[in-house]
């Protein structure tokens, strides 16, 4: 999808493609990216395009980047079920989070200025809840 759009964009495109037989023709790519390089790449980019994994969404918040989510679909053999559709349905209305389910939608989003993600009151509450849970879990493990 993005490989087809890349030649029409004014920016360099980089993709982490995972283990795949597909070799992108119009952008730089790597099967894997170590965590330090991944973070550096996200800090330097202007927009993040990702599948609907919550870890990358959290990185978009961390680095104040707009993010376009392209959910993986079980009907395309991309995932075992359609849980990513459920994820995007919950994130769809959040500022700075955009959803593209087709190449046309992705191209349209990339042709316009995008707002960066912004923490809202409910995201701040969720972050606090998660931090508390992690802290309590760690304390139980080391007790």
N, C-alpha and C. Protein backbone atom coordinates (compact mmCIF):
# COMPACT_ATOMS: atom_id res chain seq x y z
N UNK A 1 0.83 -1.19 0.00
CA UNK A 1 0.00 0.00 0.00
C UNK A 1 0.88 1.26 0.00
N UNK A 2 1.72 1.44 1.02
CA UNK A 2 2.58 2.63 1.09
C UNK A 2 3.66 2.58 0.02
N UNK A 3 4.11 1.39 -0.36
CA UNK A 3 5.13 1.27 -1.40
C UNK A 3 4.61 1.84 -2.72
N UNK A 4 3.34 1.66 -3.01
CA UNK A 4 2.75 2.21 -4.23
C UNK A 4 2.61 3.73 -4.16
N UNK A 5 2.39 4.27 -2.98
CA UNK A 5 2.19 5.70 -2.79
C UNK A 5 3.52 6.45 -2.69
N UNK A 6 4.55 5.79 -2.19
CA UNK A 6 5.84 6.43 -1.88
C UNK A 6 6.40 7.33 -2.99
N UNK A 7 6.36 6.93 -4.25
CA UNK A 7 6.95 7.81 -5.28
C UNK A 7 6.26 9.17 -5.40
N UNK A 8 5.02 9.28 -4.97
CA UNK A 8 4.30 10.55 -5.08
C UNK A 8 4.51 11.45 -3.88
N UNK A 9 5.24 10.98 -2.88
CA UNK A 9 5.44 11.76 -1.66
C UNK A 9 6.74 12.54 -1.71
N UNK A 10 6.78 13.64 -0.99
CA UNK A 10 7.97 14.50 -0.97
C UNK A 10 8.97 14.11 0.10
N UNK A 11 8.68 13.06 0.84
CA UNK A 11 9.55 12.64 1.94
C UNK A 11 10.07 11.23 1.70
N UNK A 12 11.20 10.95 2.32
CA UNK A 12 11.73 9.60 2.28
C UNK A 12 10.85 8.72 3.17
N UNK A 13 10.58 7.53 2.71
CA UNK A 13 9.75 6.59 3.45
C UNK A 13 10.62 5.43 3.93
N UNK A 14 10.41 5.03 5.19
CA UNK A 14 11.09 3.85 5.73
C UNK A 14 10.04 2.94 6.32
N UNK A 15 10.21 1.64 6.10
CA UNK A 15 9.26 0.66 6.64
C UNK A 15 9.98 -0.48 7.34
N UNK A 16 9.44 -0.87 8.47
CA UNK A 16 9.83 -2.12 9.11
C UNK A 16 8.81 -3.14 8.60
N UNK A 17 9.26 -4.08 7.78
CA UNK A 17 8.32 -4.95 7.08
C UNK A 17 8.14 -6.33 7.70
N UNK A 18 8.94 -6.66 8.69
CA UNK A 18 8.82 -7.99 9.30
C UNK A 18 9.31 -9.07 8.34
N UNK A 19 9.04 -10.30 8.70
CA UNK A 19 9.43 -11.42 7.85
C UNK A 19 8.40 -11.53 6.73
N UNK A 20 8.85 -11.33 5.52
CA UNK A 20 7.94 -11.30 4.39
C UNK A 20 8.69 -11.62 3.10
N UNK A 21 7.98 -12.15 2.14
CA UNK A 21 8.58 -12.37 0.83
C UNK A 21 8.50 -11.11 -0.02
N UNK A 22 7.65 -10.16 0.39
CA UNK A 22 7.50 -8.91 -0.35
C UNK A 22 8.71 -8.02 -0.13
N UNK A 23 9.26 -7.49 -1.18
CA UNK A 23 10.39 -6.58 -1.11
C UNK A 23 9.94 -5.22 -1.65
N UNK A 24 9.79 -4.20 -0.80
CA UNK A 24 9.39 -2.88 -1.29
C UNK A 24 10.34 -2.37 -2.37
N UNK A 25 9.77 -1.69 -3.34
CA UNK A 25 10.54 -1.18 -4.48
C UNK A 25 10.78 0.33 -4.40
N UNK A 26 9.97 1.03 -3.63
CA UNK A 26 10.00 2.50 -3.67
C UNK A 26 10.34 3.16 -2.34
N UNK A 27 10.89 2.39 -1.42
CA UNK A 27 11.23 2.96 -0.12
C UNK A 27 12.30 2.11 0.55
N UNK A 28 12.96 2.71 1.51
CA UNK A 28 13.92 1.97 2.33
C UNK A 28 13.14 1.09 3.29
N UNK A 29 13.72 -0.07 3.63
CA UNK A 29 13.02 -0.97 4.54
C UNK A 29 14.00 -1.90 5.24
N UNK A 30 13.50 -2.51 6.29
CA UNK A 30 14.25 -3.53 7.02
C UNK A 30 13.23 -4.49 7.62
N UNK A 31 13.61 -5.75 7.71
CA UNK A 31 12.71 -6.74 8.31
C UNK A 31 12.51 -6.41 9.79
N UNK A 32 13.57 -6.05 10.46
CA UNK A 32 13.50 -5.71 11.88
C UNK A 32 14.31 -4.44 12.13
N UNK A 33 13.99 -3.79 13.23
CA UNK A 33 14.72 -2.59 13.64
C UNK A 33 14.93 -2.71 15.14
N UNK A 34 16.18 -2.53 15.59
CA UNK A 34 16.40 -2.63 17.03
C UNK A 34 15.73 -1.45 17.73
N UNK A 35 15.40 -1.62 19.01
CA UNK A 35 14.61 -0.61 19.73
C UNK A 35 15.20 0.81 19.71
N UNK A 36 16.51 0.94 19.79
CA UNK A 36 17.12 2.28 19.81
C UNK A 36 16.94 2.95 18.45
N UNK A 37 17.18 2.21 17.37
CA UNK A 37 16.98 2.76 16.02
C UNK A 37 15.51 3.04 15.75
N UNK A 38 14.64 2.19 16.25
CA UNK A 38 13.20 2.38 16.08
C UNK A 38 12.77 3.70 16.72
N UNK A 39 13.20 3.93 17.96
CA UNK A 39 12.86 5.17 18.64
C UNK A 39 13.43 6.38 17.91
N UNK A 40 14.69 6.29 17.46
CA UNK A 40 15.30 7.40 16.73
C UNK A 40 14.52 7.71 15.45
N UNK A 41 14.13 6.66 14.74
CA UNK A 41 13.37 6.84 13.50
C UNK A 41 12.03 7.53 13.78
N UNK A 42 11.36 7.12 14.85
CA UNK A 42 10.08 7.74 15.20
C UNK A 42 10.24 9.20 15.61
N UNK A 43 11.31 9.50 16.33
CA UNK A 43 11.56 10.89 16.73
C UNK A 43 11.77 11.79 15.52
N UNK A 44 12.42 11.25 14.49
CA UNK A 44 12.79 12.05 13.32
C UNK A 44 11.70 12.13 12.26
N UNK A 45 10.74 11.24 12.29
CA UNK A 45 9.74 11.21 11.21
C UNK A 45 8.70 12.31 11.38
N UNK A 46 7.97 12.57 10.30
CA UNK A 46 6.91 13.57 10.37
C UNK A 46 5.55 12.94 10.63
N UNK A 47 5.38 11.68 10.25
CA UNK A 47 4.14 10.95 10.49
C UNK A 47 4.47 9.47 10.63
N UNK A 48 3.72 8.78 11.47
CA UNK A 48 3.89 7.34 11.66
C UNK A 48 2.74 6.65 10.96
N UNK A 49 3.07 5.65 10.16
CA UNK A 49 2.04 4.79 9.55
C UNK A 49 2.30 3.40 10.12
N UNK A 50 1.28 2.80 10.72
CA UNK A 50 1.48 1.53 11.41
C UNK A 50 0.22 0.70 11.40
N UNK A 51 0.40 -0.58 11.65
CA UNK A 51 -0.77 -1.41 11.91
C UNK A 51 -1.29 -0.99 13.28
N UNK A 52 -2.40 -1.50 13.68
CA UNK A 52 -3.07 -1.01 14.87
C UNK A 52 -2.55 -1.64 16.16
N UNK A 53 -1.24 -1.70 16.30
CA UNK A 53 -0.63 -2.17 17.54
C UNK A 53 -0.56 -1.04 18.54
N UNK A 54 -0.94 -1.30 19.74
CA UNK A 54 -1.04 -0.24 20.75
C UNK A 54 0.33 0.31 21.13
N UNK A 55 1.38 -0.50 21.03
CA UNK A 55 2.73 -0.02 21.36
C UNK A 55 3.16 1.15 20.48
N UNK A 56 2.87 1.07 19.20
CA UNK A 56 3.24 2.15 18.29
C UNK A 56 2.36 3.37 18.54
N UNK A 57 1.11 3.16 18.89
CA UNK A 57 0.24 4.29 19.24
C UNK A 57 0.82 5.02 20.46
N UNK A 58 1.28 4.28 21.44
CA UNK A 58 1.88 4.90 22.62
C UNK A 58 3.14 5.68 22.25
N UNK A 59 3.91 5.17 21.30
CA UNK A 59 5.11 5.89 20.83
C UNK A 59 4.71 7.20 20.15
N UNK A 60 3.60 7.19 19.41
CA UNK A 60 3.13 8.42 18.77
C UNK A 60 2.82 9.48 19.83
N UNK A 61 2.21 9.06 20.94
CA UNK A 61 1.97 9.99 22.04
C UNK A 61 3.28 10.48 22.63
N UNK A 62 4.21 9.56 22.83
CA UNK A 62 5.50 9.91 23.44
C UNK A 62 6.23 10.97 22.62
N UNK A 63 6.21 10.82 21.29
CA UNK A 63 6.97 11.73 20.43
C UNK A 63 6.09 12.79 19.76
N UNK A 64 4.83 12.88 20.17
CA UNK A 64 3.89 13.88 19.63
C UNK A 64 3.88 13.87 18.10
N UNK A 65 3.57 12.71 17.54
CA UNK A 65 3.53 12.54 16.08
C UNK A 65 2.11 12.16 15.67
N UNK A 66 1.68 12.62 14.51
CA UNK A 66 0.42 12.09 13.98
C UNK A 66 0.65 10.63 13.59
N UNK A 67 -0.38 9.82 13.73
CA UNK A 67 -0.26 8.40 13.38
C UNK A 67 -1.45 7.99 12.53
N UNK A 68 -1.12 7.27 11.46
CA UNK A 68 -2.15 6.70 10.60
C UNK A 68 -2.13 5.19 10.83
N UNK A 69 -3.24 4.66 11.28
CA UNK A 69 -3.34 3.23 11.55
C UNK A 69 -3.99 2.52 10.37
N UNK A 70 -3.35 1.46 9.95
CA UNK A 70 -3.86 0.61 8.86
C UNK A 70 -4.08 -0.77 9.49
N UNK A 71 -5.30 -1.08 9.90
CA UNK A 71 -5.53 -2.34 10.62
C UNK A 71 -5.29 -3.56 9.74
N UNK A 72 -4.65 -4.56 10.33
CA UNK A 72 -4.48 -5.84 9.65
C UNK A 72 -5.82 -6.57 9.65
N UNK A 73 -6.06 -7.31 8.59
CA UNK A 73 -7.34 -8.00 8.44
C UNK A 73 -7.15 -9.50 8.33
N UNK A 74 -7.97 -10.24 9.05
CA UNK A 74 -7.90 -11.71 8.95
C UNK A 74 -8.33 -12.18 7.57
N UNK A 75 -9.25 -11.46 6.93
CA UNK A 75 -9.73 -11.85 5.60
C UNK A 75 -8.63 -11.79 4.54
N UNK A 76 -7.56 -11.01 4.82
CA UNK A 76 -6.43 -10.90 3.91
C UNK A 76 -5.28 -11.82 4.34
N UNK A 77 -5.52 -12.62 5.40
CA UNK A 77 -4.48 -13.50 5.91
C UNK A 77 -3.39 -12.76 6.67
N UNK A 78 -3.68 -11.54 7.11
CA UNK A 78 -2.68 -10.72 7.78
C UNK A 78 -2.63 -10.96 9.29
N UNK A 79 -3.69 -11.52 9.83
CA UNK A 79 -3.77 -11.77 11.27
C UNK A 79 -4.76 -12.89 11.52
N UNK A 80 -4.73 -13.44 12.72
CA UNK A 80 -5.60 -14.58 13.03
C UNK A 80 -7.05 -14.19 13.26
N UNK A 81 -7.27 -12.91 13.63
CA UNK A 81 -8.64 -12.40 13.81
C UNK A 81 -8.64 -10.90 13.53
N UNK A 82 -9.77 -10.28 13.70
CA UNK A 82 -9.88 -8.85 13.38
C UNK A 82 -9.86 -7.95 14.60
N UNK A 83 -9.05 -8.31 15.59
CA UNK A 83 -8.97 -7.48 16.79
C UNK A 83 -8.47 -6.06 16.49
N UNK A 84 -7.69 -5.88 15.42
CA UNK A 84 -7.20 -4.54 15.11
C UNK A 84 -8.34 -3.61 14.65
N UNK A 85 -9.39 -4.19 14.08
CA UNK A 85 -10.57 -3.37 13.74
C UNK A 85 -11.23 -2.86 15.02
N UNK A 86 -11.26 -3.69 16.04
CA UNK A 86 -11.81 -3.25 17.33
C UNK A 86 -10.94 -2.15 17.93
N UNK A 87 -9.62 -2.30 17.81
CA UNK A 87 -8.71 -1.28 18.32
C UNK A 87 -8.95 0.06 17.64
N UNK A 88 -8.99 0.06 16.30
CA UNK A 88 -9.16 1.34 15.60
C UNK A 88 -10.54 1.95 15.86
N UNK A 89 -11.54 1.12 16.11
CA UNK A 89 -12.86 1.67 16.40
C UNK A 89 -12.84 2.47 17.70
N UNK A 90 -11.98 2.09 18.63
CA UNK A 90 -11.86 2.81 19.90
C UNK A 90 -10.98 4.05 19.79
N UNK A 91 -10.09 4.08 18.80
CA UNK A 91 -9.14 5.18 18.67
C UNK A 91 -9.54 6.20 17.61
N UNK A 92 -10.49 5.87 16.80
CA UNK A 92 -10.86 6.65 15.61
C UNK A 92 -11.11 8.14 15.89
N UNK A 93 -11.70 8.48 16.99
CA UNK A 93 -12.07 9.88 17.27
C UNK A 93 -11.01 10.66 18.06
N UNK A 94 -9.90 10.03 18.34
CA UNK A 94 -8.88 10.72 19.14
C UNK A 94 -8.07 11.67 18.27
N UNK A 95 -7.75 12.85 18.80
CA UNK A 95 -6.97 13.82 18.02
C UNK A 95 -5.61 13.26 17.61
N UNK A 96 -5.29 13.41 16.33
CA UNK A 96 -3.98 13.00 15.82
C UNK A 96 -3.89 11.54 15.44
N UNK A 97 -4.97 10.78 15.63
CA UNK A 97 -4.99 9.37 15.22
C UNK A 97 -5.93 9.26 14.03
N UNK A 98 -5.40 8.74 12.93
CA UNK A 98 -6.16 8.63 11.69
C UNK A 98 -6.22 7.17 11.28
N UNK A 99 -7.27 6.80 10.59
CA UNK A 99 -7.45 5.41 10.16
C UNK A 99 -7.52 5.38 8.63
N UNK A 100 -6.76 4.46 8.03
CA UNK A 100 -6.81 4.25 6.59
C UNK A 100 -7.04 2.76 6.35
N UNK A 101 -8.16 2.45 5.76
CA UNK A 101 -8.46 1.05 5.46
C UNK A 101 -8.22 0.71 4.00
N UNK A 102 -7.95 1.74 3.18
CA UNK A 102 -7.67 1.52 1.76
C UNK A 102 -6.47 2.36 1.35
N UNK A 103 -5.89 2.02 0.21
CA UNK A 103 -4.76 2.80 -0.31
C UNK A 103 -5.20 4.23 -0.62
N UNK A 104 -6.41 4.39 -1.12
CA UNK A 104 -6.94 5.71 -1.43
C UNK A 104 -7.05 6.57 -0.17
N UNK A 105 -7.55 5.97 0.92
CA UNK A 105 -7.65 6.72 2.18
C UNK A 105 -6.27 7.11 2.69
N UNK A 106 -5.30 6.20 2.58
CA UNK A 106 -3.94 6.50 3.03
C UNK A 106 -3.34 7.64 2.21
N UNK A 107 -3.47 7.57 0.88
CA UNK A 107 -2.94 8.63 0.02
C UNK A 107 -3.60 9.97 0.33
N UNK A 108 -4.89 9.95 0.58
CA UNK A 108 -5.61 11.18 0.91
C UNK A 108 -5.09 11.78 2.22
N UNK A 109 -4.91 10.96 3.23
CA UNK A 109 -4.40 11.45 4.51
C UNK A 109 -2.99 12.03 4.35
N UNK A 110 -2.15 11.35 3.58
CA UNK A 110 -0.77 11.81 3.40
C UNK A 110 -0.67 13.08 2.56
N UNK A 111 -1.73 13.46 1.90
CA UNK A 111 -1.71 14.66 1.06
C UNK A 111 -2.13 15.92 1.82
N UNK A 112 -2.41 15.78 3.10
CA UNK A 112 -2.88 16.92 3.88
C UNK A 112 -2.10 17.06 5.19
N UNK A 113 -2.11 18.25 5.78
CA UNK A 113 -1.46 18.41 7.09
C UNK A 113 -2.23 17.60 8.13
N UNK A 114 -1.49 16.93 9.00
CA UNK A 114 -2.12 16.10 10.04
C UNK A 114 -1.79 16.66 11.42
N UNK A 115 -2.78 16.66 12.28
CA UNK A 115 -2.63 17.11 13.65
C UNK A 115 -1.87 16.04 14.44
N UNK A 116 -1.00 16.46 15.36
CA UNK A 116 -0.28 15.49 16.19
C UNK A 116 -1.20 14.93 17.26
N UNK A 117 -0.87 13.74 17.77
CA UNK A 117 -1.67 13.17 18.84
C UNK A 117 -1.54 14.03 20.08
N UNK A 118 -2.61 14.11 20.83
CA UNK A 118 -2.62 14.90 22.06
C UNK A 118 -3.26 14.08 23.16
N UNK A 119 -2.64 14.13 24.31
CA UNK A 119 -3.23 13.46 25.46
C UNK A 119 -4.48 14.21 25.89
N UNK A 120 -5.52 13.46 26.11
CA UNK A 120 -6.76 14.02 26.64
C UNK A 120 -6.86 13.57 28.09
N UNK A 121 -7.86 14.04 28.77
CA UNK A 121 -8.00 13.67 30.19
C UNK A 121 -8.12 12.16 30.36
N UNK A 122 -8.85 11.48 29.47
CA UNK A 122 -9.00 10.03 29.62
C UNK A 122 -7.71 9.29 29.31
N UNK A 123 -6.86 9.83 28.40
CA UNK A 123 -5.57 9.16 28.17
C UNK A 123 -4.64 9.34 29.36
N UNK A 124 -4.73 10.49 30.01
CA UNK A 124 -3.91 10.72 31.20
C UNK A 124 -4.33 9.77 32.33
N UNK A 125 -5.62 9.59 32.49
CA UNK A 125 -6.13 8.66 33.51
C UNK A 125 -5.68 7.24 33.18
N UNK A 126 -5.78 6.85 31.91
CA UNK A 126 -5.36 5.51 31.49
C UNK A 126 -3.87 5.30 31.72
N UNK A 127 -3.06 6.33 31.42
CA UNK A 127 -1.62 6.22 31.64
C UNK A 127 -1.31 6.02 33.12
N UNK A 128 -1.98 6.78 33.97
CA UNK A 128 -1.78 6.65 35.41
C UNK A 128 -2.20 5.26 35.88
N UNK A 129 -3.32 4.77 35.41
CA UNK A 129 -3.81 3.44 35.78
C UNK A 129 -2.80 2.37 35.36
N UNK A 130 -2.25 2.50 34.14
CA UNK A 130 -1.28 1.53 33.65
C UNK A 130 0.01 1.59 34.47
N UNK A 131 0.50 2.78 34.77
CA UNK A 131 1.72 2.92 35.57
C UNK A 131 1.53 2.31 36.96
N UNK A 132 0.38 2.54 37.56
CA UNK A 132 0.08 1.98 38.88
C UNK A 132 0.05 0.46 38.83
N UNK A 133 -0.59 -0.08 37.80
CA UNK A 133 -0.66 -1.54 37.64
C UNK A 133 0.74 -2.13 37.48
N UNK A 134 1.56 -1.53 36.63
CA UNK A 134 2.91 -2.04 36.39
C UNK A 134 3.73 -1.98 37.67
N UNK A 135 3.66 -0.85 38.38
CA UNK A 135 4.40 -0.69 39.63
C UNK A 135 3.98 -1.75 40.64
N UNK A 136 2.68 -1.96 40.81
CA UNK A 136 2.18 -2.94 41.77
C UNK A 136 2.58 -4.36 41.36
N UNK A 137 2.54 -4.64 40.09
CA UNK A 137 2.93 -5.97 39.60
C UNK A 137 4.40 -6.25 39.88
N UNK A 138 5.25 -5.27 39.62
CA UNK A 138 6.69 -5.42 39.87
C UNK A 138 6.95 -5.60 41.34
N UNK A 139 6.28 -4.81 42.18
CA UNK A 139 6.48 -4.93 43.62
C UNK A 139 6.07 -6.32 44.13
N UNK A 140 5.00 -6.87 43.58
CA UNK A 140 4.58 -8.23 43.95
C UNK A 140 5.61 -9.26 43.51
N UNK A 141 6.20 -9.03 42.36
CA UNK A 141 7.17 -10.00 41.83
C UNK A 141 8.46 -10.02 42.64
N UNK A 142 8.87 -8.87 43.16
CA UNK A 142 10.12 -8.83 43.90
C UNK A 142 9.94 -9.02 45.40
N UNK A 143 8.70 -9.07 45.85
CA UNK A 143 8.42 -9.25 47.29
C UNK A 143 8.68 -10.67 47.73
